[in-house]
Amino acid sequence: MIQQQYPSQLLEKAVQEFSKLPGIGRKTALRLVLWMLRQDDSDVTQFTAAVNELKCGVKYCKVCHNISDTDICPICADQRRDQTTVCVVENIQDVMAIENTQQFNGLYHVLGGVISPMDGMGPADIEIDSLIQRIGEGTVQEVILALSPTMEGDTTNFYIYRKLAPTGIKVSVIARGIAVGNELEYADEVTLGRSITNRTLFEEK
């Protein structure tokens, strides 16, 4: 394949950086860079300032590990929410997806990944220990495992279930309205909402 030639080294460098974004190839990166070149200086400055502010200012909630502007995210700080139920999800996109269903009024715990030996992700690489510590505080009565129905998600479900078994706490799993192998964040809101509402007790197979 012939390497595309650029009329400017600055253009090529910008394309290289944009193409590092997930799902963005070099052709798409080039279109984005050329689009930005056509924008007003003030718009580009505002864009770059927003990215810098995001990277420097964003926090992770000390309780659930969701993204927040403060040390404790608005969901964890909301006393109107059910403090006895914690929904365990893989990532921040899953929190947003479940919140959009308006079917869940409890709290969350973001693992930041799932157990995947092929990807070098073990239990110590995700927020399982902090979940166990959180359960040990005694307020939580039910843990809902809302991980994507993939092999990695099921492995993580089983690991968490075994870790929580000695506590005697209720552990449930979302109903399989989500097709096996699908990512949770791509499920439609109605199906996802029903999966939360119709959750079942986790059973060790």
Protein backbone atom coordinates (compact mmCIF):
# COMPACT_ATOMS: atom_id res chain seq x y z
CA MET A 1 0.00 0.00 0.00
CA ILE A 2 1.32 3.42 -0.99
CA GLN A 3 1.77 5.75 1.96
CA GLN A 4 -0.31 8.89 1.50
CA GLN A 5 1.77 11.99 1.06
CA TYR A 6 0.83 15.17 2.91
CA PRO A 7 1.64 18.70 1.77
CA SER A 8 2.39 19.71 5.35
CA GLN A 9 4.17 17.97 8.21
CA LEU A 10 1.82 19.74 10.63
CA LEU A 11 -1.15 18.29 8.77
CA GLU A 12 0.37 14.81 8.87
CA LYS A 13 1.07 15.09 12.61
CA ALA A 14 -2.51 16.18 13.30
CA VAL A 15 -3.87 13.29 11.22
CA GLN A 16 -1.69 10.85 13.17
CA GLU A 17 -3.09 12.14 16.47
CA PHE A 18 -6.73 12.06 15.33
CA SER A 19 -6.33 8.53 13.96
CA LYS A 20 -5.43 7.34 17.48
CA LEU A 21 -9.08 7.86 18.46
CA PRO A 22 -11.13 4.61 18.52
CA GLY A 23 -12.93 3.93 15.28
CA ILE A 24 -11.11 6.72 13.42
CA GLY A 25 -9.00 5.69 10.42
CA ARG A 26 -6.54 7.93 8.62
CA LYS A 27 -9.05 8.97 5.94
CA THR A 28 -11.60 10.02 8.54
CA ALA A 29 -8.85 11.70 10.56
CA LEU A 30 -7.84 13.69 7.49
CA ARG A 31 -11.43 14.85 6.92
CA LEU A 32 -11.69 15.94 10.57
CA VAL A 33 -8.40 17.84 10.45
CA LEU A 34 -9.31 19.61 7.22
CA TRP A 35 -12.71 20.49 8.70
CA MET A 36 -11.02 22.02 11.73
CA LEU A 37 -8.74 24.08 9.50
CA ARG A 38 -11.81 25.69 7.97
CA GLN A 39 -13.26 26.71 11.34
CA ASP A 40 -12.81 30.10 13.03
CA ASP A 41 -9.84 30.39 15.36
CA SER A 42 -12.18 30.96 18.30
CA ASP A 43 -14.04 27.68 17.62
CA VAL A 44 -10.79 25.69 17.45
CA THR A 45 -9.52 27.36 20.62
CA GLN A 46 -12.78 26.49 22.39
CA PHE A 47 -12.50 22.87 21.20
CA THR A 48 -8.93 22.39 22.40
CA ALA A 49 -9.68 24.18 25.68
CA ALA A 50 -12.59 21.80 26.33
CA VAL A 51 -10.35 18.77 25.74
CA ASN A 52 -7.62 20.14 28.03
CA GLU A 53 -10.15 20.99 30.73
CA LEU A 54 -11.67 17.52 30.46
CA LYS A 55 -8.30 15.82 30.90
CA CYS A 56 -7.12 18.06 33.73
CA GLY A 57 -10.38 18.62 35.58
CA VAL A 58 -12.41 15.43 35.36
CA LYS A 59 -12.56 13.29 38.49
CA TYR A 60 -13.58 9.74 39.27
CA CYS A 61 -16.13 9.35 42.04
CA LYS A 62 -14.46 8.05 45.20
CA VAL A 63 -17.48 5.83 45.87
CA CYS A 64 -18.57 4.33 42.54
CA HIS A 65 -15.75 5.36 40.13
CA ASN A 66 -18.13 7.11 37.74
CA ILE A 67 -16.87 10.25 35.98
CA SER A 68 -17.69 13.41 37.91
CA ASP A 69 -16.79 17.06 38.32
CA THR A 70 -16.60 16.52 42.09
CA ASP A 71 -15.07 13.93 44.42
CA ILE A 72 -18.52 12.33 44.92
CA CYS A 73 -20.68 12.06 41.81
CA PRO A 74 -24.24 13.46 41.75
CA ILE A 75 -25.76 9.96 41.74
CA CYS A 76 -23.94 8.84 44.90
CA ALA A 77 -24.65 12.19 46.57
CA ASP A 78 -28.40 12.03 45.85
CA GLN A 79 -30.06 10.86 49.08
CA ARG A 80 -33.34 10.35 47.22
CA ARG A 81 -31.87 7.32 45.48
CA ASP A 82 -32.06 3.82 46.95
CA GLN A 83 -28.87 3.50 48.98
CA THR A 84 -29.40 -0.23 49.57
CA THR A 85 -29.09 -1.34 45.92
CA VAL A 86 -25.90 -1.21 43.86
CA CYS A 87 -25.81 -1.95 40.14
CA VAL A 88 -22.41 -3.22 38.98
CA VAL A 89 -21.47 -2.19 35.44
CA GLU A 90 -18.39 -2.42 33.26
CA ASN A 91 -17.99 1.19 32.22
CA ILE A 92 -19.35 4.72 32.36
CA GLN A 93 -21.30 4.29 29.11
CA ASP A 94 -23.32 1.54 30.84
CA VAL A 95 -24.27 3.91 33.66
CA MET A 96 -25.53 6.38 31.07
CA ALA A 97 -27.46 3.67 29.22
CA ILE A 98 -29.21 2.44 32.37
CA GLU A 99 -29.96 5.97 33.56
CA ASN A 100 -31.64 6.66 30.20
CA THR A 101 -34.13 3.86 30.90
CA GLN A 102 -35.40 5.66 34.03
CA GLN A 103 -36.09 2.20 35.48
CA PHE A 104 -33.39 2.16 38.16
CA ASN A 105 -33.16 4.41 41.20
CA GLY A 106 -30.30 2.82 43.09
CA LEU A 107 -26.55 3.41 43.03
CA TYR A 108 -23.80 2.14 40.73
CA HIS A 109 -20.36 0.63 40.89
CA VAL A 110 -18.18 1.02 37.78
CA LEU A 111 -15.61 -1.76 37.45
CA GLY A 112 -13.64 -0.10 34.67
CA GLY A 113 -13.43 -3.33 32.70
CA VAL A 114 -14.11 -7.05 32.92
CA ILE A 115 -11.92 -10.06 33.64
CA SER A 116 -10.27 -10.99 30.34
CA PRO A 117 -7.02 -13.01 30.50
CA MET A 118 -6.61 -12.63 26.73
CA ASP A 119 -6.40 -8.87 27.22
CA GLY A 120 -4.28 -9.12 30.35
CA MET A 121 -7.16 -8.03 32.60
CA GLY A 122 -7.41 -9.85 35.92
CA PRO A 123 -9.48 -9.22 39.06
CA ALA A 124 -6.80 -6.88 40.43
CA ASP A 125 -7.04 -4.67 37.34
CA ILE A 126 -10.68 -3.69 37.89
CA GLU A 127 -12.59 -2.22 40.84
CA ILE A 128 -13.67 -5.44 42.54
CA ASP A 129 -11.84 -4.95 45.85
CA SER A 130 -13.47 -1.54 46.32
CA LEU A 131 -16.86 -3.17 45.67
CA ILE A 132 -16.22 -5.78 48.36
CA GLN A 133 -15.14 -3.03 50.75
CA ARG A 134 -18.26 -1.05 49.93
CA ILE A 135 -20.50 -4.03 50.66
CA GLY A 136 -18.69 -4.56 53.95
CA GLU A 137 -19.90 -1.17 55.18
CA GLY A 138 -23.31 -2.77 55.71
CA THR A 139 -25.68 -0.39 53.91
CA VAL A 140 -26.06 -2.32 50.64
CA GLN A 141 -28.64 -5.12 50.65
CA GLU A 142 -28.64 -6.11 46.97
CA VAL A 143 -26.00 -6.17 44.24
CA ILE A 144 -27.25 -6.26 40.65
CA LEU A 145 -24.73 -7.65 38.18
CA ALA A 146 -25.39 -5.72 34.96
CA LEU A 147 -22.45 -6.75 32.81
CA SER A 148 -22.70 -7.46 29.09
CA PRO A 149 -23.71 -11.10 28.37
CA THR A 150 -20.34 -12.04 26.91
CA MET A 151 -17.90 -14.73 28.05
CA GLU A 152 -15.83 -12.07 29.83
CA GLY A 153 -18.92 -10.55 31.43
CA ASP A 154 -20.13 -13.93 32.66
CA THR A 155 -16.68 -14.76 34.03
CA THR A 156 -16.65 -11.49 35.96
CA ASN A 157 -20.19 -12.09 37.23
CA PHE A 158 -19.18 -15.48 38.56
CA TYR A 159 -16.02 -14.14 40.21
CA ILE A 160 -17.91 -11.34 41.96
CA TYR A 161 -20.65 -13.74 43.04
CA ARG A 162 -18.10 -16.07 44.65
CA LYS A 163 -16.42 -13.13 46.42
CA LEU A 164 -19.77 -11.90 47.78
CA ALA A 165 -21.16 -15.32 48.73
CA PRO A 166 -19.71 -15.29 52.29
CA THR A 167 -21.49 -11.98 53.02
CA GLY A 168 -24.94 -13.49 52.44
CA ILE A 169 -25.98 -10.42 50.47
CA LYS A 170 -28.60 -10.75 47.73
CA VAL A 171 -26.93 -10.99 44.31
CA SER A 172 -29.07 -10.71 41.19
CA VAL A 173 -28.33 -10.52 37.47
CA ILE A 174 -30.18 -8.62 34.75
CA ALA A 175 -32.67 -10.67 32.73
CA ARG A 176 -31.42 -12.05 29.43
CA GLY A 177 -33.47 -9.69 27.33
CA ILE A 178 -30.05 -8.58 26.13
CA ALA A 179 -28.86 -10.91 23.36
CA VAL A 180 -25.87 -13.05 24.29
CA GLY A 181 -22.67 -11.47 22.99
CA ASN A 182 -24.10 -7.95 22.80
CA GLU A 183 -22.59 -4.95 24.57
CA LEU A 184 -24.86 -3.41 27.20
CA GLU A 185 -24.41 0.17 26.02
CA TYR A 186 -25.87 -0.66 22.58
CA ALA A 187 -29.10 -2.20 23.88
CA ASP A 188 -32.27 -0.21 23.28
CA GLU A 189 -33.69 1.56 26.34
CA VAL A 190 -36.89 -0.51 26.54
CA THR A 191 -35.05 -3.86 26.47
CA LEU A 192 -32.42 -2.65 28.93
CA GLY A 193 -35.06 -1.21 31.27
CA ARG A 194 -36.98 -4.49 31.29
CA SER A 195 -33.76 -6.41 31.92
CA ILE A 196 -33.14 -4.33 35.06
CA THR A 197 -36.74 -4.56 36.27
CA ASN A 198 -37.01 -8.32 35.64
CA ARG A 199 -33.63 -9.23 37.13
CA THR A 200 -33.26 -12.66 38.68
CA LEU A 201 -31.15 -14.11 41.47
CA PHE A 202 -27.68 -15.09 40.36
CA GLU A 203 -27.34 -18.87 40.28
CA GLU A 204 -24.00 -20.62 40.32
CA LYS A 205 -23.79 -23.01 37.38
